[in-house]
């Protein structure tokens, strides 16, 4: 038995002895006839040759530009000629037929309406209302109340003020037992009426509400921009109404009769006006 006789595993290429029937590495059965025999005695490897490395490597060549080839069009830009029928042996060519005349459109038949079917009634749009004339003062769509309603509201407020003065006179009569007469009494009565009127107006100003006369006639006080007036505007309206409209022989009130929008002087000063609710 040669000690240099080696059996190589055909599966994992591991060297095994001559008397081995299975590979020592993978455990598979090996056959002597299927594996090559290598002799290790006096085996030498060929000498390796040394190859010098170039100092500078040549740059890689640049890739060639890619050219895109487009498919040529199937049809050239030319006028397409009509097809020509070639004559066939034993048969005459067909003659072109004249175009048939267009048939007149048939009238549409109306389907008879059943007795239980109803028609849809669509509302006809009414004519648009006439545009409101543009105001040079008022910036909203509210309309100034008529002078007759404003006068009626003023007299209702005057009745309330006189009723308050009557209560005041009754209290004086109960306290003194008699009612003073003469010129000083008349002056005191005028001052009392003015005080009752001021108190009446100040109460509605503090509450920022419309007076009883305005409510009774269905009026509401608003500003020129259509909003609820502020207390500052109500105070300005009250002072301008007393000092301007009434003090000048009621010229500020009569101005509403000739003004385009029936505005008085204290309306323009306070930028407020009464309108129907």
Protein backbone atom coordinates (compact mmCIF):
# COMPACT_ATOMS: atom_id res chain seq x y z
CA UNK A 1 0.00 0.00 0.00
CA UNK A 2 1.44 3.29 -1.05
CA UNK A 3 1.22 5.87 1.78
CA UNK A 4 1.05 8.70 -0.81
CA UNK A 5 -2.03 7.22 -2.40
CA UNK A 6 -4.90 9.71 -1.70
CA UNK A 7 -8.54 9.46 -2.64
CA UNK A 8 -10.24 12.81 -3.30
CA UNK A 9 -13.98 13.17 -2.51
CA UNK A 10 -15.86 13.96 -5.73
CA UNK A 11 -18.39 16.09 -3.78
CA UNK A 12 -16.30 18.34 -1.53
CA UNK A 13 -12.79 17.62 -2.97
CA UNK A 14 -11.45 16.65 0.47
CA UNK A 15 -8.39 14.23 0.56
CA UNK A 16 -9.07 10.85 2.16
CA UNK A 17 -6.94 7.76 2.78
CA UNK A 18 -6.89 4.66 0.66
CA UNK A 19 -8.86 2.59 3.14
CA UNK A 20 -11.61 5.21 3.65
CA UNK A 21 -15.00 4.35 2.18
CA UNK A 22 -16.73 7.58 3.26
CA UNK A 23 -15.47 11.13 3.13
CA UNK A 24 -14.11 12.43 6.43
CA UNK A 25 -15.54 15.91 5.71
CA UNK A 26 -18.99 15.48 4.13
CA UNK A 27 -19.64 11.83 5.12
CA UNK A 28 -20.70 10.77 1.62
CA UNK A 29 -19.68 7.40 0.16
CA UNK A 30 -16.76 7.60 -2.21
CA UNK A 31 -15.71 5.16 -4.89
CA UNK A 32 -12.12 4.50 -5.69
CA UNK A 33 -12.76 4.36 -9.39
CA UNK A 34 -14.59 7.70 -9.52
CA UNK A 35 -11.96 9.81 -7.78
CA UNK A 36 -8.64 10.84 -9.28
CA UNK A 37 -5.40 9.72 -7.61
CA UNK A 38 -2.81 12.31 -6.66
CA UNK A 39 0.75 11.44 -5.60
CA UNK A 40 2.21 13.87 -3.12
CA UNK A 41 5.75 12.56 -3.19
CA UNK A 42 8.18 14.78 -5.05
CA UNK A 43 5.30 17.12 -6.11
CA UNK A 44 6.38 20.63 -6.83
CA UNK A 45 4.36 23.68 -7.85
CA UNK A 46 5.42 25.72 -10.82
CA UNK A 47 7.31 28.87 -10.02
CA UNK A 48 5.28 32.07 -10.19
CA UNK A 49 6.40 34.79 -12.50
CA UNK A 50 6.48 38.40 -11.30
CA UNK A 51 4.62 40.91 -13.45
CA UNK A 52 5.46 44.58 -13.00
CA UNK A 53 2.46 46.87 -12.33
CA UNK A 54 2.25 49.90 -14.59
CA UNK A 55 2.75 53.19 -12.79
CA UNK A 56 -0.20 54.96 -14.42
CA UNK A 57 -3.26 53.14 -15.54
CA UNK A 58 -4.66 54.10 -18.89
CA UNK A 59 -8.00 55.94 -18.54
CA UNK A 60 -11.05 53.98 -19.48
CA UNK A 61 -12.34 54.88 -22.91
CA UNK A 62 -15.38 57.17 -22.90
CA UNK A 63 -18.63 55.47 -23.80
CA UNK A 64 -19.77 56.09 -27.31
CA UNK A 65 -22.80 58.39 -27.59
CA UNK A 66 -26.00 56.47 -27.88
CA UNK A 67 -27.87 57.10 -31.04
CA UNK A 68 -31.61 56.73 -30.97
CA UNK A 69 -33.14 55.43 -34.13
CA UNK A 70 -36.75 56.36 -34.63
CA UNK A 71 -39.14 54.25 -36.61
CA UNK A 72 -39.91 55.88 -39.96
CA UNK A 73 -43.55 56.82 -40.54
CA UNK A 74 -45.70 54.26 -42.24
CA UNK A 75 -47.19 56.78 -44.64
CA UNK A 76 -45.40 59.64 -46.34
CA UNK A 77 -46.83 63.12 -46.25
CA UNK A 78 -48.64 62.96 -49.53
CA UNK A 79 -52.16 62.91 -50.71
CA UNK A 80 -53.67 59.45 -50.56
CA UNK A 81 -54.83 58.37 -54.01
CA UNK A 82 -58.19 56.61 -54.27
CA UNK A 83 -58.14 52.91 -54.86
CA UNK A 84 -58.34 51.87 -58.50
CA UNK A 85 -59.99 48.58 -59.25
CA UNK A 86 -57.96 46.61 -61.71
CA UNK A 87 -59.80 44.73 -64.45
CA UNK A 88 -60.10 41.00 -63.93
CA UNK A 89 -60.01 38.58 -66.83
CA UNK A 90 -63.54 37.73 -67.88
CA UNK A 91 -65.23 40.46 -65.75
CA UNK A 92 -65.81 44.13 -66.46
CA UNK A 93 -64.74 46.64 -63.83
CA UNK A 94 -67.45 48.10 -61.61
CA UNK A 95 -68.57 51.62 -62.27
CA UNK A 96 -68.63 54.05 -59.35
CA UNK A 97 -72.07 54.54 -57.95
CA UNK A 98 -73.60 57.98 -57.62
CA UNK A 99 -74.19 59.10 -54.01
CA UNK A 100 -77.73 58.41 -52.87
CA UNK A 101 -79.84 61.50 -52.09
CA UNK A 102 -80.33 62.24 -48.43
CA UNK A 103 -83.73 61.22 -47.14
CA UNK A 104 -85.78 63.97 -45.49
CA UNK A 105 -85.88 63.86 -41.72
CA UNK A 106 -88.92 62.10 -40.38
CA UNK A 107 -91.17 64.12 -38.10
CA UNK A 108 -90.94 63.08 -34.47
CA UNK A 109 -94.01 61.32 -33.18
CA UNK A 110 -95.39 62.67 -29.97
CA UNK A 111 -96.23 60.03 -27.45
CA UNK A 112 -99.86 60.36 -26.35
CA UNK A 113 -100.08 61.50 -22.73
CA UNK A 114 -101.97 59.22 -20.40
CA UNK A 115 -104.86 60.53 -18.37
CA UNK A 116 -103.05 60.06 -15.04
CA UNK A 117 -99.85 61.79 -16.10
CA UNK A 118 -99.38 65.39 -14.98
CA UNK A 119 -97.27 68.11 -16.51
CA UNK A 120 -94.39 69.69 -14.63
CA UNK A 121 -95.13 73.29 -13.89
CA UNK A 122 -91.94 75.31 -13.70
CA UNK A 123 -92.18 78.71 -12.03
CA UNK A 124 -91.78 81.59 -14.42
CA UNK A 125 -89.17 84.03 -13.11
CA UNK A 126 -90.79 87.30 -12.24
CA UNK A 127 -89.42 90.57 -13.39
CA UNK A 128 -86.61 91.91 -11.25
CA UNK A 129 -87.66 94.72 -8.91
CA UNK A 130 -86.63 98.18 -9.79
CA UNK A 131 -83.26 99.04 -8.25
CA UNK A 132 -83.37 101.34 -5.27
CA UNK A 133 -81.94 104.76 -6.03
CA UNK A 134 -78.44 105.13 -4.74
CA UNK A 135 -78.31 107.30 -1.65
CA UNK A 136 -75.57 109.78 -1.03
CA UNK A 137 -75.94 109.36 2.76
CA UNK A 138 -77.49 106.00 3.69
CA UNK A 139 -75.39 102.88 3.06
CA UNK A 140 -78.12 100.27 3.67
CA UNK A 141 -81.40 99.24 2.02
CA UNK A 142 -83.66 100.46 4.83
CA UNK A 143 -86.20 103.17 3.97
CA UNK A 144 -86.63 106.26 6.11
CA UNK A 145 -89.97 106.36 7.88
CA UNK A 146 -92.53 108.78 6.53
CA UNK A 147 -92.98 112.13 8.30
CA UNK A 148 -96.53 111.23 9.35
CA UNK A 149 -95.31 108.18 11.32
CA UNK A 150 -92.55 110.20 12.93
CA UNK A 151 -94.98 112.93 13.99
CA UNK A 152 -97.35 110.30 15.43
CA UNK A 153 -94.47 108.75 17.41
CA UNK A 154 -93.49 112.22 18.70
CA UNK A 155 -97.02 112.88 19.99
CA UNK A 156 -97.13 109.48 21.71
CA UNK A 157 -93.88 110.30 23.52
CA UNK A 158 -95.33 113.75 24.40
CA UNK A 159 -98.40 112.08 25.93
CA UNK A 160 -96.14 109.86 28.05
CA UNK A 161 -94.19 112.93 29.20
CA UNK A 162 -97.42 114.78 30.08
CA UNK A 163 -98.58 111.73 31.99
CA UNK A 164 -95.33 111.85 33.97
CA UNK A 165 -95.85 115.56 34.63
CA UNK A 166 -99.38 114.80 35.84
CA UNK A 167 -98.00 112.30 38.34
CA UNK A 168 -95.52 114.92 39.51
CA UNK A 169 -98.31 117.51 39.97
CA UNK A 170 -100.40 114.99 41.91
CA UNK A 171 -97.46 114.31 44.22
CA UNK A 172 -97.06 118.09 44.83
CA UNK A 173 -100.78 118.45 45.54
CA UNK A 174 -100.68 115.61 48.06
CA UNK A 175 -97.56 117.01 49.72
CA UNK A 176 -98.63 120.71 49.87
CA UNK A 177 -102.38 120.25 49.94
CA UNK A 178 -102.86 122.86 47.19
CA UNK A 179 -101.47 123.74 43.75
CA UNK A 180 -99.52 127.02 43.46
CA UNK A 181 -100.79 129.59 40.96
CA UNK A 182 -99.34 132.66 39.30
CA UNK A 183 -96.37 133.40 37.14
CA UNK A 184 -93.75 131.55 39.30
CA UNK A 185 -96.00 128.50 39.23
CA UNK A 186 -96.13 128.54 35.43
CA UNK A 187 -92.32 128.84 35.22
CA UNK A 188 -91.97 125.97 37.68
CA UNK A 189 -94.45 123.90 35.62
CA UNK A 190 -92.43 124.51 32.42
CA UNK A 191 -89.19 123.54 34.16
CA UNK A 192 -90.89 120.43 35.55
CA UNK A 193 -92.09 119.38 32.09
CA UNK A 194 -88.55 119.84 30.72
CA UNK A 195 -87.08 117.77 33.56
CA UNK A 196 -89.59 114.99 33.03
CA UNK A 197 -88.80 114.98 29.28
CA UNK A 198 -85.04 114.86 29.94
CA UNK A 199 -85.45 112.03 32.43
CA UNK A 200 -87.68 110.15 29.96
CA UNK A 201 -85.13 110.47 27.17
CA UNK A 202 -82.18 109.61 29.41
CA UNK A 203 -83.84 106.39 30.53
CA UNK A 204 -84.14 105.15 26.93
CA UNK A 205 -80.61 106.35 26.18
CA UNK A 206 -79.22 104.37 29.15
CA UNK A 207 -81.14 101.27 28.03
CA UNK A 208 -80.07 101.84 24.38
CA UNK A 209 -83.64 101.08 23.27
CA UNK A 210 -86.35 102.78 21.24
CA UNK A 211 -88.90 104.94 23.06
CA UNK A 212 -92.53 103.98 23.66
CA UNK A 213 -93.75 106.29 20.89
CA UNK A 214 -91.45 104.69 18.31
CA UNK A 215 -92.44 101.20 19.41
CA UNK A 216 -96.11 102.09 19.33
CA UNK A 217 -95.85 103.20 15.68
CA UNK A 218 -93.67 100.23 14.68
CA UNK A 219 -90.50 102.27 14.18
CA UNK A 220 -86.92 101.35 14.95
CA UNK A 221 -83.87 103.60 15.08
CA UNK A 222 -80.86 102.42 13.03
CA UNK A 223 -77.63 103.97 11.79
CA UNK A 224 -76.78 104.79 8.19
CA UNK A 225 -74.92 101.48 7.79
CA UNK A 226 -77.99 99.47 8.91
CA UNK A 227 -76.71 98.59 12.39
CA UNK A 228 -78.08 99.28 15.81
CA UNK A 229 -76.99 102.75 16.95
CA UNK A 230 -74.60 103.16 19.82
CA UNK A 231 -75.24 105.22 22.94
CA UNK A 232 -72.92 107.91 21.59
CA UNK A 233 -75.06 108.25 18.48
CA UNK A 234 -78.27 108.36 20.53
CA UNK A 235 -76.84 111.12 22.75
CA UNK A 236 -75.73 113.10 19.68
CA UNK A 237 -79.19 112.69 18.16
CA UNK A 238 -80.92 113.86 21.32
CA UNK A 239 -78.72 116.95 21.76
CA UNK A 240 -78.80 117.93 18.08
CA UNK A 241 -82.58 117.46 18.00
CA UNK A 242 -83.06 119.90 20.89
CA UNK A 243 -80.34 122.44 20.07
CA UNK A 244 -80.55 122.46 16.26
CA UNK A 245 -83.87 121.16 14.99
CA UNK A 246 -86.18 122.64 17.65
CA UNK A 247 -84.24 125.75 18.60
CA UNK A 248 -84.22 127.20 15.07
CA UNK A 249 -88.03 127.51 14.88
CA UNK A 250 -88.29 123.83 13.91
CA UNK A 251 -86.51 124.47 10.60
CA UNK A 252 -84.52 121.26 11.07
CA UNK A 253 -87.79 119.30 11.25
CA UNK A 254 -89.35 121.01 8.26
CA UNK A 255 -86.22 120.21 6.26
CA UNK A 256 -87.48 116.61 5.97
CA UNK A 257 -90.34 117.82 3.73
CA UNK A 258 -87.99 119.03 1.01
CA UNK A 259 -85.07 116.65 1.51
CA UNK A 260 -84.76 113.79 -1.02
CA UNK A 261 -84.67 111.05 1.62
CA UNK A 262 -86.85 112.89 4.22
CA UNK A 263 -83.95 113.27 6.63
CA UNK A 264 -83.99 115.95 9.32
CA UNK A 265 -80.98 117.86 10.54
CA UNK A 266 -80.50 115.75 13.65
CA UNK A 267 -80.72 112.63 11.45
CA UNK A 268 -77.78 113.79 9.35
CA UNK A 269 -75.78 114.97 12.37
CA UNK A 270 -76.16 111.72 14.34
CA UNK A 271 -76.14 109.51 11.21
CA UNK A 272 -79.25 107.71 12.43
CA UNK A 273 -82.85 107.59 11.20
CA UNK A 274 -86.10 105.82 12.13
CA UNK A 275 -87.40 103.09 9.85
CA UNK A 276 -90.30 100.65 9.95
CA UNK A 277 -89.57 97.33 11.60
